[in-house]
C-alpha atoms as a PDB file:
ATOM      1  CA  MET A   1      70.622 137.645 139.616  1.00  0.00           C
ATOM      2  CA  ARG A   2      71.746 140.846 138.157  1.00  0.00           C
ATOM      3  CA  ILE A   3      75.541 140.740 136.893  1.00  0.00           C
ATOM      4  CA  ALA A   4      77.065 143.748 135.994  1.00  0.00           C
ATOM      5  CA  LEU A   5      79.915 143.974 133.428  1.00  0.00           C
ATOM      6  CA  ALA A   6      82.620 146.879 133.846  1.00  0.00           C
ATOM      7  CA  THR A   7      84.333 147.865 130.638  1.00  0.00           C
ATOM      8  CA  LEU A   8      86.737 150.101 131.969  1.00  0.00           C
ATOM      9  CA  ARG A   9      88.964 152.318 130.349  1.00  0.00           C
ATOM     10  CA  TYR A  10      92.744 151.418 130.689  1.00  0.00           C
ATOM     11  CA  ARG A  11      94.158 153.580 133.042  1.00  0.00           C
ATOM     12  CA  ARG A  12      98.132 153.965 132.931  1.00  0.00           C
ATOM     13  CA  ASP A  13      97.976 154.629 136.865  1.00  0.00           C
ATOM     14  CA  PRO A  14      97.129 151.083 138.989  1.00  0.00           C
ATOM     15  CA  ASP A  15      95.410 153.301 141.492  1.00  0.00           C
ATOM     16  CA  GLU A  16      93.321 155.087 139.503  1.00  0.00           C
ATOM     17  CA  ALA A  17      92.403 151.791 137.827  1.00  0.00           C
ATOM     18  CA  LEU A  18      91.495 150.616 141.449  1.00  0.00           C
ATOM     19  CA  ARG A  19      89.358 153.414 142.273  1.00  0.00           C
ATOM     20  CA  CYS A  20      87.587 152.779 139.113  1.00  0.00           C
ATOM     21  CA  VAL A  21      86.581 149.464 140.082  1.00  0.00           C
ATOM     22  CA  GLN A  22      86.002 150.385 143.462  1.00  0.00           C
ATOM     23  CA  ASP A  23      83.253 153.164 141.463  1.00  0.00           C
ATOM     24  CA  ALA A  24      82.185 150.302 139.568  1.00  0.00           C
ATOM     25  CA  LEU A  25      80.873 148.043 142.438  1.00  0.00           C
ATOM     26  CA  GLU A  26      79.070 151.045 144.265  1.00  0.00           C
ATOM     27  CA  LYS A  27      77.262 151.935 141.031  1.00  0.00           C
ATOM     28  CA  ALA A  28      76.474 147.815 140.572  1.00  0.00           C
ATOM     29  CA  ALA A  29      75.331 148.013 144.205  1.00  0.00           C
ATOM     30  CA  ARG A  30      73.110 151.270 143.444  1.00  0.00           C
ATOM     31  CA  ARG A  31      71.630 149.192 140.674  1.00  0.00           C
ATOM     32  CA  GLY A  32      70.967 145.955 142.251  1.00  0.00           C
ATOM     33  CA  ALA A  33      73.547 144.167 141.007  1.00  0.00           C
ATOM     34  CA  LYS A  34      75.171 141.135 142.963  1.00  0.00           C
ATOM     35  CA  LEU A  35      78.306 140.344 140.673  1.00  0.00           C
ATOM     36  CA  LEU A  36      80.777 142.436 138.902  1.00  0.00           C
ATOM     37  CA  CYS A  37      83.168 141.777 136.476  1.00  0.00           C
ATOM     38  CA  THR A  38      85.847 143.422 134.795  1.00  0.00           C
ATOM     39  CA  PRO A  39      87.908 142.521 131.877  1.00  0.00           C
ATOM     40  CA  GLU A  40      91.160 140.565 132.012  1.00  0.00           C
ATOM     41  CA  ASN A  41      94.037 141.995 134.000  1.00  0.00           C
ATOM     42  CA  TYR A  42      92.128 145.031 133.940  1.00  0.00           C
ATOM     43  CA  LEU A  43      94.506 145.469 136.733  1.00  0.00           C
ATOM     44  CA  PRO A  44      96.940 146.724 136.348  1.00  0.00           C
ATOM     45  CA  GLY A  45      96.818 146.257 132.900  1.00  0.00           C
ATOM     46  CA  LEU A  46      96.960 143.584 129.980  1.00  0.00           C
ATOM     47  CA  ARG A  47     100.633 143.206 128.663  1.00  0.00           C
ATOM     48  CA  GLY A  48     101.593 142.333 125.510  1.00  0.00           C
ATOM     49  CA  VAL A  49      99.184 144.896 123.921  1.00  0.00           C
ATOM     50  CA  GLU A  50      99.741 148.406 123.193  1.00  0.00           C
ATOM     51  CA  PHE A  51      99.054 149.496 126.739  1.00  0.00           C
ATOM     52  CA  ASP A  52     102.109 150.845 128.503  1.00  0.00           C
ATOM     53  CA  VAL A  53     101.584 148.996 131.770  1.00  0.00           C
ATOM     54  CA  THR A  54     103.649 149.231 134.877  1.00  0.00           C
ATOM     55  CA  PRO A  55     105.872 146.722 136.388  1.00  0.00           C
ATOM     56  CA  PRO A  56     104.704 144.109 138.355  1.00  0.00           C
ATOM     57  CA  ASP A  57     104.559 145.467 141.864  1.00  0.00           C
ATOM     58  CA  THR A  58     103.408 143.145 144.646  1.00  0.00           C
ATOM     59  CA  ALA A  59     102.581 145.437 147.179  1.00  0.00           C
ATOM     60  CA  PHE A  60      99.706 146.673 145.489  1.00  0.00           C
ATOM     61  CA  LEU A  61      98.687 143.716 144.299  1.00  0.00           C
ATOM     62  CA  ALA A  62      97.997 143.309 147.545  1.00  0.00           C
ATOM     63  CA  ARG A  63      96.441 146.075 148.227  1.00  0.00           C
ATOM     64  CA  ALA A  64      94.355 145.726 145.320  1.00  0.00           C
ATOM     65  CA  GLU A  65      93.266 142.502 147.311  1.00  0.00           C
ATOM     66  CA  ARG A  66      92.296 143.726 150.176  1.00  0.00           C
ATOM     67  CA  THR A  67      90.677 147.377 148.735  1.00  0.00           C
ATOM     68  CA  LEU A  68      88.149 144.814 146.583  1.00  0.00           C
ATOM     69  CA  ARG A  69      87.229 142.537 149.217  1.00  0.00           C
ATOM     70  CA  GLU A  70      86.343 145.945 151.379  1.00  0.00           C
ATOM     71  CA  THR A  71      84.871 147.194 148.822  1.00  0.00           C
ATOM     72  CA  ALA A  72      82.703 144.178 148.427  1.00  0.00           C
ATOM     73  CA  ALA A  73      81.900 143.989 151.751  1.00  0.00           C
ATOM     74  CA  THR A  74      81.056 147.699 152.090  1.00  0.00           C
ATOM     75  CA  THR A  75      78.581 147.165 148.870  1.00  0.00           C
ATOM     76  CA  GLY A  76      77.445 143.728 149.191  1.00  0.00           C
ATOM     77  CA  VAL A  77      78.618 142.951 145.699  1.00  0.00           C
ATOM     78  CA  GLY A  78      80.348 140.299 144.682  1.00  0.00           C
ATOM     79  CA  ALA A  79      83.472 140.871 142.489  1.00  0.00           C
ATOM     80  CA  ILE A  80      85.305 138.665 139.344  1.00  0.00           C
ATOM     81  CA  VAL A  81      88.333 141.208 138.992  1.00  0.00           C
ATOM     82  CA  GLY A  82      90.992 140.349 136.094  1.00  0.00           C
ATOM     83  CA  ILE A  83      94.558 140.857 137.994  1.00  0.00           C
ATOM     84  CA  GLU A  84      98.091 139.559 137.904  1.00  0.00           C
ATOM     85  CA  ARG A  85      99.314 137.224 140.446  1.00  0.00           C
ATOM     86  CA  MET A  86     102.926 136.106 141.334  1.00  0.00           C
ATOM     87  CA  VAL A  87     103.004 132.611 142.073  1.00  0.00           C
ATOM     88  CA  PRO A  88     106.481 130.851 142.464  1.00  0.00           C
ATOM     89  CA  ALA A  89     106.153 130.208 138.701  1.00  0.00           C
ATOM     90  CA  GLY A  90     106.272 134.296 137.728  1.00  0.00           C
ATOM     91  CA  LEU A  91     103.746 136.109 136.861  1.00  0.00           C
ATOM     92  CA  ILE A  92     100.088 135.226 135.772  1.00  0.00           C
ATOM     93  CA  ALA A  93      96.944 136.387 134.590  1.00  0.00           C
ATOM     94  CA  SER A  94      94.214 135.525 136.768  1.00  0.00           C
ATOM     95  CA  ALA A  95      91.130 136.350 138.305  1.00  0.00           C
ATOM     96  CA  LEU A  96      90.263 137.442 141.497  1.00  0.00           C
ATOM     97  CA  VAL A  97      87.047 135.767 142.898  1.00  0.00           C
ATOM     98  CA  VAL A  98      85.609 137.907 145.865  1.00  0.00           C
ATOM     99  CA  GLY A  99      81.905 137.142 147.983  1.00  0.00           C
ATOM    100  CA  PRO A 100      79.573 139.868 148.503  1.00  0.00           C
ATOM    101  CA  ASP A 101      80.743 139.550 152.039  1.00  0.00           C
ATOM    102  CA  GLY A 102      84.318 140.950 150.972  1.00  0.00           C
ATOM    103  CA  ARG A 103      85.564 136.985 151.325  1.00  0.00           C
ATOM    104  CA  LEU A 104      88.472 135.528 149.358  1.00  0.00           C
ATOM    105  CA  LEU A 105      86.827 133.098 147.375  1.00  0.00           C
ATOM    106  CA  GLY A 106      89.993 131.836 144.880  1.00  0.00           C
ATOM    107  CA  TYR A 107      91.547 132.835 142.222  1.00  0.00           C
ATOM    108  CA  GLN A 108      91.103 131.288 138.038  1.00  0.00           C
ATOM    109  CA  ASP A 109      94.398 131.760 136.688  1.00  0.00           C
ATOM    110  CA  LYS A 110      94.693 131.541 132.801  1.00  0.00           C
ATOM    111  CA  VAL A 111      96.810 128.512 131.785  1.00  0.00           C
ATOM    112  CA  GLN A 112      96.346 128.663 128.032  1.00  0.00           C
END
């Protein structure tokens, strides 16, 4: 299995970052990869470091998940995307796991 590691540059605009992940999925498909992995919290950006990350936006995160699932289904490439999630306890760093058919396979939440 070919796995594509997308070392993507931080984007201040979350929509631009989402387009970068879509582009990476399309490029991975053209190169025969079956899975794409992005950096931790790529969407919308890693908090607590030097990045100027936009405030949490649950509507964007829901739209990003739908878009990534659709793009995975279109390209046939699964994805593990570093993303934030809002849970009852608050905002957490997570990895969104999507199958190559676009199915949501789950999340791996950062707990440490």
